[in-house]
Amino acid sequence: MSENYLAEYQLDRASPLPKDADFLFYTEAEKMPQDLALYISKDTSWTGFRSIKLSERIYLIGRKKLNVDDFLTIAYLKTDDSELSMSVNSYLNEAFEPILWAVIVTFVLSIFMIVYMTLKFIRPLRDLNEWTAQLNENNKIINIPNFKFEELNELASTLAVSLNENLRLIEKDKFFLRAASHELRTPISVSSVNIELMNMYLEVQHVSPKLTVPLLRIENAVKDMQQLSETLLWLDHDGGSSIETTQFDLKSTIHSIVSDSRYLLTNKNVDIAINCVNANITCNFPSFKIVLGNIVRNAMQYTNNGRIEINLDERVALIKNVDANETPISVDNSDYGYGLGLILVEKICNKGSWKYSTRNIVGGREVQILFK
């Protein structure tokens, strides 16, 4: 309608304005309703369409340029009962209904796809978790399940290779313990029997006491090998079983350990200070004796002129050795404080869930073990 008027206006500017039941047409602001004329006067140069609210009424306004100075203003007063409003609302409802259904269907399908993809991915993850929970250090992994995702299969394969390698190292470690203890057992037994026979012979023959010195050294060396063998046997025997605990007296045990190792202080100027409470401790006796015995022997072995302090209660053991020689044993030497004995100590502490720590101090070393 407005397009027809524009064409007629170009031919005759006196052409009458269109008439419509719903639309009002104006070319002069004086003929507009007061509130609409006031709104147009604020900006007379705009064109296009706007929806505005004036005096609690909603207008749909369109502005088209007729010439340089004149504009055609089309105003539609929106009411719920107007034919155009009902037509527009009906059109919008008809147009929006399929869109609404499309949105609902799309949303439902999206939720379904999200749930489906989530379940499809979570199930292999759950299977991987259940499979890894069944793995242990005693069984070699031969068959790897198919987890349906290449990434999960690669992860499972990498895990299997790592666990199999750890199993191989554990088996190698166990073989070493068994072989070492077996190889030591026979020479220790033979040496012990022969030492006893030689002691009996010396007592009967009244041989010079000078001969007893090398025999005593041999006997002490046999004690060292015997203690090492007992440690290896204990680790191998209890490798996969739970550790049995017993209750025993702390003071008598530590004094026994120190007494058995005093031969290491022969011809040395070393003071030993034992500070032990009168209490009982509940733990595995062989592991306790092996651990404390190795640490005490290590302290005695690497102290020539100094002091060894042993502080012990049912919760913690603290053993410190300090050498006061002018040229003390270098604690930076890689051999100091290390060796098979202390390696076995660390293994036993890990096995018994004891906290083992060691640190270098001036002239010696400090070792601490937390039993609880």
Protein backbone atom coordinates (compact mmCIF):
# COMPACT_ATOMS: atom_id res chain seq x y z
CA MET A 1 0.00 0.00 0.00
CA SER A 2 2.73 2.43 0.93
CA GLU A 3 4.68 1.46 -2.20
CA ASN A 4 1.69 2.37 -4.39
CA TYR A 5 1.39 5.73 -2.64
CA LEU A 6 5.10 6.43 -3.15
CA ALA A 7 4.73 5.77 -6.86
CA GLU A 8 1.66 8.05 -7.07
CA TYR A 9 3.42 10.73 -4.98
CA GLN A 10 6.27 10.89 -7.46
CA LEU A 11 3.73 11.70 -10.17
CA ASP A 12 1.45 13.94 -8.14
CA ARG A 13 2.30 15.33 -4.73
CA ALA A 14 -1.33 16.04 -4.10
CA SER A 15 -2.20 12.36 -4.20
CA PRO A 16 -4.49 11.41 -1.30
CA LEU A 17 -3.02 9.40 1.55
CA PRO A 18 -3.93 5.72 1.73
CA LYS A 19 -6.66 4.64 4.12
CA ASP A 20 -6.66 1.47 6.19
CA ALA A 21 -8.53 0.26 9.25
CA ASP A 22 -5.33 -0.57 11.14
CA PHE A 23 -2.74 1.83 9.70
CA LEU A 24 -2.62 5.63 9.83
CA PHE A 25 -0.64 7.59 7.24
CA TYR A 26 0.82 11.06 7.84
CA THR A 27 2.99 13.46 5.89
CA GLU A 28 2.54 16.38 8.26
CA ALA A 29 3.35 16.31 11.97
CA GLU A 30 0.45 18.71 12.74
CA LYS A 31 -2.09 16.01 11.83
CA MET A 32 -0.53 13.34 14.03
CA PRO A 33 -1.68 12.58 17.58
CA GLN A 34 0.07 14.94 19.98
CA ASP A 35 2.24 12.33 21.69
CA LEU A 36 3.28 10.79 18.36
CA ALA A 37 4.04 14.23 16.84
CA LEU A 38 6.16 15.10 19.90
CA TYR A 39 8.12 11.86 19.50
CA ILE A 40 8.71 12.43 15.77
CA SER A 41 9.82 16.04 16.35
CA LYS A 42 12.72 14.88 18.46
CA ASP A 43 14.31 13.27 15.41
CA THR A 44 12.68 14.02 12.09
CA SER A 45 15.33 12.50 9.86
CA TRP A 46 15.20 8.81 10.81
CA THR A 47 13.77 6.16 8.50
CA GLY A 48 12.88 2.54 9.03
CA PHE A 49 10.64 0.84 11.58
CA ARG A 50 10.34 1.20 15.34
CA SER A 51 8.18 -0.10 18.15
CA ILE A 52 7.52 2.57 20.79
CA LYS A 53 5.23 3.06 23.76
CA LEU A 54 3.49 6.42 24.09
CA SER A 55 0.87 7.24 26.73
CA GLU A 56 0.50 3.57 27.67
CA ARG A 57 -0.10 2.71 24.00
CA ILE A 58 2.19 0.74 21.77
CA TYR A 59 2.88 2.06 18.27
CA LEU A 60 4.57 0.39 15.35
CA ILE A 61 6.00 3.26 13.30
CA GLY A 62 7.49 3.20 9.83
CA ARG A 63 9.17 6.17 8.16
CA LYS A 64 9.90 6.47 4.43
CA LYS A 65 11.49 9.40 2.67
CA LEU A 66 9.36 11.09 0.03
CA ASN A 67 11.84 13.83 -0.90
CA VAL A 68 14.46 15.96 0.75
CA ASP A 69 12.07 17.56 3.23
CA ASP A 70 9.02 15.30 3.36
CA PHE A 71 8.53 11.90 4.99
CA LEU A 72 5.72 9.41 4.97
CA THR A 73 4.93 8.23 8.50
CA ILE A 74 2.98 5.01 8.90
CA ALA A 75 1.62 4.37 12.39
CA TYR A 76 -0.02 1.25 13.68
CA LEU A 77 -1.61 1.28 17.12
CA LYS A 78 -1.19 -2.23 18.45
CA THR A 79 -4.25 -3.64 20.25
CA ASP A 80 -5.07 -7.20 21.19
CA ASP A 81 -8.43 -7.18 19.42
CA SER A 82 -7.34 -5.62 16.14
CA GLU A 83 -7.53 -7.75 13.04
CA LEU A 84 -3.88 -7.16 12.22
CA SER A 85 -2.75 -8.02 15.74
CA MET A 86 -4.71 -11.23 15.64
CA SER A 87 -3.29 -12.00 12.21
CA VAL A 88 0.24 -11.26 13.35
CA ASN A 89 -0.20 -13.31 16.52
CA SER A 90 -1.69 -16.17 14.54
CA TYR A 91 1.18 -16.02 12.08
CA LEU A 92 3.76 -15.92 14.84
CA ASN A 93 2.13 -18.85 16.60
CA GLU A 94 1.98 -20.86 13.41
CA ALA A 95 5.58 -19.98 12.56
CA PHE A 96 6.91 -20.50 16.08
CA GLU A 97 5.24 -23.83 16.78
CA PRO A 98 7.40 -25.90 14.38
CA ILE A 99 10.48 -24.00 15.58
CA LEU A 100 9.56 -24.82 19.17
CA TRP A 101 9.10 -28.47 18.33
CA ALA A 102 12.40 -28.47 16.43
CA VAL A 103 14.15 -26.96 19.45
CA ILE A 104 12.58 -29.54 21.80
CA VAL A 105 13.48 -32.46 19.53
CA THR A 106 17.02 -31.11 19.09
CA PHE A 107 17.40 -30.70 22.85
CA VAL A 108 16.14 -34.22 23.57
CA LEU A 109 18.41 -35.70 20.91
CA SER A 110 21.36 -33.73 22.28
CA ILE A 111 20.72 -35.04 25.81
CA PHE A 112 20.40 -38.56 24.46
CA MET A 113 23.65 -38.28 22.51
CA ILE A 114 25.48 -36.81 25.51
CA VAL A 115 24.25 -39.62 27.78
CA TYR A 116 25.05 -42.24 25.14
CA MET A 117 28.57 -40.94 24.51
CA THR A 118 29.21 -40.56 28.23
CA LEU A 119 28.13 -44.12 28.97
CA LYS A 120 30.04 -45.40 25.97
CA PHE A 121 33.24 -43.81 27.28
CA ILE A 122 32.69 -44.41 31.01
CA ARG A 123 32.12 -48.15 30.59
CA PRO A 124 35.62 -48.79 29.14
CA LEU A 125 37.10 -46.59 31.87
CA ARG A 126 35.27 -48.63 34.50
CA ASP A 127 36.51 -51.85 32.86
CA LEU A 128 40.07 -50.48 32.89
CA ASN A 129 39.74 -49.59 36.57
CA GLU A 130 38.45 -53.07 37.44
CA TRP A 131 41.23 -54.69 35.42
CA THR A 132 43.97 -52.65 37.10
CA ALA A 133 42.49 -53.40 40.54
CA GLN A 134 43.04 -57.12 39.89
CA LEU A 135 46.70 -56.71 39.00
CA ASN A 136 49.33 -57.66 41.57
CA GLU A 137 53.05 -58.18 41.77
CA ASN A 138 52.75 -61.96 41.85
CA ASN A 139 51.14 -62.57 38.46
CA LYS A 140 52.60 -61.72 35.09
CA ILE A 141 50.24 -59.90 32.71
CA ILE A 142 49.77 -61.98 29.56
CA ASN A 143 46.36 -61.05 28.15
CA ILE A 144 45.23 -57.43 27.90
CA PRO A 145 41.47 -56.87 27.41
CA ASN A 146 40.15 -54.75 24.57
CA PHE A 147 38.84 -51.49 26.02
CA LYS A 148 37.39 -50.31 22.66
CA PHE A 149 39.44 -47.12 22.61
CA GLU A 150 42.92 -47.06 21.13
CA GLU A 151 44.16 -44.65 23.80
CA LEU A 152 42.93 -46.87 26.63
CA ASN A 153 44.44 -49.95 24.99
CA GLU A 154 47.79 -48.15 24.70
CA LEU A 155 47.56 -47.11 28.35
CA ALA A 156 46.80 -50.68 29.43
CA SER A 157 49.68 -51.99 27.30
CA THR A 158 52.11 -49.51 28.82
CA LEU A 159 50.91 -50.41 32.31
CA ALA A 160 51.32 -54.12 31.57
CA VAL A 161 54.89 -53.63 30.32
CA SER A 162 55.78 -51.60 33.41
CA LEU A 163 54.26 -54.11 35.84
CA ASN A 164 55.89 -57.06 34.08
CA GLU A 165 59.25 -55.31 34.30
CA ASN A 166 58.71 -54.65 38.01
CA LEU A 167 57.76 -58.29 38.47
CA ARG A 168 60.96 -59.34 36.72
CA LEU A 169 63.03 -57.12 39.02
CA ILE A 170 61.21 -58.47 42.10
CA GLU A 171 61.86 -62.04 41.00
CA LYS A 172 65.49 -61.15 40.41
CA ASP A 173 65.67 -59.64 43.89
CA LYS A 174 64.09 -62.73 45.46
CA PHE A 175 66.45 -64.98 43.53
CA PHE A 176 69.39 -62.98 44.83
CA LEU A 177 68.19 -63.33 48.41
CA ARG A 178 67.66 -67.07 48.09
CA ALA A 179 70.95 -67.63 46.29
CA ALA A 180 72.98 -65.46 48.66
CA SER A 181 71.52 -67.04 51.79
CA HIS A 182 72.00 -70.54 50.37
CA GLU A 183 75.59 -69.87 49.36
CA LEU A 184 76.41 -68.41 52.78
CA ARG A 185 74.70 -71.14 54.78
CA THR A 186 77.19 -73.95 54.09
CA PRO A 187 80.49 -72.06 54.68
CA ILE A 188 79.04 -70.47 57.82
CA SER A 189 78.06 -73.86 59.23
CA VAL A 190 81.45 -75.38 58.37
CA SER A 191 83.32 -72.41 59.83
CA SER A 192 81.26 -72.43 63.04
CA VAL A 193 81.83 -76.16 63.62
CA ASN A 194 85.55 -75.89 63.00
CA ILE A 195 85.87 -72.88 65.30
CA GLU A 196 84.24 -74.85 68.09
CA LEU A 197 86.61 -77.78 67.47
CA MET A 198 89.62 -75.48 67.49
CA ASN A 199 88.51 -73.85 70.74
CA MET A 200 88.15 -77.28 72.32
CA TYR A 201 91.57 -78.27 71.02
CA LEU A 202 93.19 -75.10 72.38
CA GLU A 203 91.69 -75.70 75.81
CA VAL A 204 93.00 -79.28 75.92
CA GLN A 205 96.44 -78.59 74.52
CA HIS A 206 97.03 -75.36 76.48
CA VAL A 207 98.29 -73.58 73.38
CA SER A 208 99.74 -70.08 73.62
CA PRO A 209 97.08 -67.37 74.02
CA LYS A 210 98.54 -65.61 70.96
CA LEU A 211 96.84 -68.20 68.79
CA THR A 212 93.45 -67.25 70.20
CA VAL A 213 93.60 -63.76 68.62
CA PRO A 214 93.32 -64.85 64.97
CA LEU A 215 90.79 -67.48 65.99
CA LEU A 216 88.68 -64.77 67.64
CA ARG A 217 88.82 -62.71 64.46
CA ILE A 218 87.62 -65.68 62.45
CA GLU A 219 84.81 -66.23 64.93
CA ASN A 220 83.72 -62.59 64.70
CA ALA A 221 83.77 -62.74 60.91
CA VAL A 222 81.57 -65.82 61.05
CA LYS A 223 79.16 -63.89 63.29
CA ASP A 224 79.00 -61.15 60.64
CA MET A 225 78.21 -63.64 57.90
CA GLN A 226 75.68 -65.42 60.10
CA GLN A 227 73.80 -62.20 60.84
CA LEU A 228 73.79 -61.27 57.15
CA SER A 229 72.52 -64.73 56.24
CA GLU A 230 69.75 -64.51 58.83
CA THR A 231 68.70 -61.16 57.38
CA LEU A 232 68.54 -62.53 53.84
CA LEU A 233 66.66 -65.63 54.96
CA TRP A 234 64.16 -63.57 56.92
CA LEU A 235 63.47 -61.25 53.99
CA ASP A 236 63.02 -64.17 51.60
CA HIS A 237 60.87 -66.20 53.98
CA ASP A 238 58.51 -63.36 54.89
CA GLY A 239 58.52 -61.74 51.47
CA GLY A 240 54.82 -62.24 50.78
CA SER A 241 53.35 -62.88 54.22
CA SER A 242 52.14 -60.63 56.99
CA ILE A 243 54.68 -59.76 59.67
CA GLU A 244 54.01 -61.45 63.03
CA THR A 245 54.37 -59.19 66.06
CA THR A 246 55.45 -60.05 69.59
CA GLN A 247 56.09 -58.12 72.77
CA PHE A 248 59.61 -57.94 74.21
CA ASP A 249 61.75 -55.82 76.53
CA LEU A 250 63.57 -52.92 74.93
CA LYS A 251 66.45 -52.50 77.37
CA SER A 252 67.57 -56.12 77.46
CA THR A 253 67.32 -56.37 73.67
CA ILE A 254 69.47 -53.30 72.92
CA HIS A 255 72.07 -54.31 75.53
CA SER A 256 72.24 -57.75 73.93
CA ILE A 257 72.72 -56.22 70.49
CA VAL A 258 75.51 -53.94 71.72
CA SER A 259 77.19 -56.79 73.61
CA ASP A 260 77.22 -59.06 70.56
CA SER A 261 78.86 -56.36 68.45
CA ARG A 262 81.46 -55.02 70.91
CA TYR A 263 84.25 -56.94 69.25
CA LEU A 264 84.11 -54.28 66.52
CA LEU A 265 85.46 -51.78 69.06
CA THR A 266 88.60 -53.80 69.83
CA ASN A 267 91.64 -51.47 70.00
CA LYS A 268 89.37 -48.45 69.56
CA ASN A 269 88.71 -45.56 71.93
CA VAL A 270 84.94 -45.37 71.69
CA ASP A 271 82.39 -44.59 74.40
CA ILE A 272 78.87 -45.99 74.10
CA ALA A 273 75.98 -44.19 75.81
CA ILE A 274 72.72 -46.12 75.95
CA ASN A 275 69.62 -44.21 76.97
CA CYS A 276 66.74 -46.69 76.92
CA VAL A 277 63.44 -46.56 78.78
CA ASN A 278 62.13 -49.48 80.83
CA ALA A 279 59.34 -50.46 78.51
CA ASN A 280 58.10 -53.17 76.21
CA ILE A 281 57.61 -52.79 72.49
CA THR A 282 55.25 -54.76 70.27
CA CYS A 283 56.59 -55.47 66.81
CA ASN A 284 58.32 -58.18 64.81
CA PHE A 285 61.30 -59.24 66.94
CA PRO A 286 63.59 -60.56 64.15
CA SER A 287 63.15 -57.41 62.07
CA PHE A 288 63.74 -55.18 65.11
CA LYS A 289 66.92 -57.03 66.04
CA ILE A 290 68.23 -57.09 62.48
CA VAL A 291 67.58 -53.38 61.94
CA LEU A 292 69.03 -52.18 65.24
CA GLY A 293 71.90 -54.67 64.98
CA ASN A 294 72.95 -53.45 61.53
CA ILE A 295 72.76 -49.79 62.51
CA VAL A 296 74.72 -50.31 65.76
CA ARG A 297 77.35 -52.40 63.97
CA ASN A 298 77.65 -49.77 61.26
CA ALA A 299 78.20 -47.06 63.90
CA MET A 300 80.86 -49.17 65.66
CA GLN A 301 82.61 -50.03 62.42
CA TYR A 302 83.00 -46.39 61.32
CA THR A 303 83.98 -44.90 64.68
CA ASN A 304 87.64 -45.17 65.73
CA ASN A 305 87.90 -42.50 68.39
CA GLY A 306 84.68 -40.93 69.54
CA ARG A 307 81.25 -41.58 70.91
CA ILE A 308 78.16 -43.57 70.01
CA GLU A 309 74.79 -42.49 71.43
CA ILE A 310 71.80 -44.84 71.40
CA ASN A 311 68.44 -43.34 72.44
CA LEU A 312 65.56 -45.78 72.38
CA ASP A 313 61.94 -45.94 73.47
CA GLU A 314 58.84 -47.76 72.27
CA ARG A 315 58.22 -45.13 69.58
CA VAL A 316 61.58 -44.06 68.15
CA ALA A 317 65.22 -45.13 67.93
CA LEU A 318 67.94 -42.50 67.44
CA ILE A 319 71.53 -43.68 66.92
CA LYS A 320 74.37 -41.20 66.41
CA ASN A 321 78.08 -41.81 66.02
CA VAL A 322 80.75 -39.09 66.02
CA ASP A 323 84.44 -39.73 65.35
CA ALA A 324 86.79 -37.25 67.04
CA ASN A 325 90.01 -38.22 65.23
CA GLU A 326 92.11 -35.50 63.72
CA THR A 327 91.55 -37.21 60.38
CA PRO A 328 88.05 -38.62 60.79
CA ILE A 329 86.40 -40.91 58.28
CA SER A 330 85.07 -38.81 55.41
CA VAL A 331 81.30 -38.80 55.42
CA ASP A 332 81.38 -37.74 51.77
CA ASN A 333 82.80 -41.11 50.81
CA SER A 334 80.14 -43.07 48.98
CA ASP A 335 81.04 -46.18 50.98
CA TYR A 336 80.41 -44.53 54.35
CA GLY A 337 77.20 -45.58 56.06
CA TYR A 338 76.10 -47.61 53.07
CA GLY A 339 76.50 -51.19 51.99
CA LEU A 340 74.44 -54.35 52.01
CA GLY A 341 73.63 -54.11 55.72
CA LEU A 342 71.95 -50.70 55.52
CA ILE A 343 70.28 -51.55 52.22
CA LEU A 344 68.65 -54.48 54.00
CA VAL A 345 67.73 -52.17 56.90
CA GLU A 346 65.88 -49.89 54.49
CA LYS A 347 64.06 -52.86 52.92
CA ILE A 348 62.96 -54.16 56.32
CA CYS A 349 61.76 -50.72 57.43
CA ASN A 350 59.73 -50.31 54.24
CA LYS A 351 58.25 -53.75 54.79
CA GLY A 352 57.28 -52.98 58.38
CA SER A 353 55.99 -49.46 57.57
CA TRP A 354 58.69 -47.93 59.76
CA LYS A 355 60.01 -44.48 58.88
CA TYR A 356 63.76 -44.75 58.32
CA SER A 357 65.90 -41.65 57.86
CA THR A 358 69.62 -40.96 57.94
CA ARG A 359 71.75 -37.85 57.62
CA ASN A 360 75.40 -36.91 57.69
CA ILE A 361 76.70 -34.94 60.66
CA VAL A 362 80.17 -33.58 61.39
CA GLY A 363 82.43 -36.60 61.89
CA GLY A 364 79.70 -39.19 61.60
CA ARG A 365 76.10 -40.06 60.94
CA GLU A 366 72.69 -39.90 62.62
CA VAL A 367 70.03 -42.55 61.99
CA GLN A 368 66.42 -42.34 63.13
CA ILE A 369 63.66 -44.95 62.99
CA LEU A 370 60.03 -44.25 63.88
CA PHE A 371 58.25 -47.44 64.86
CA LYS A 372 54.76 -45.86 65.16
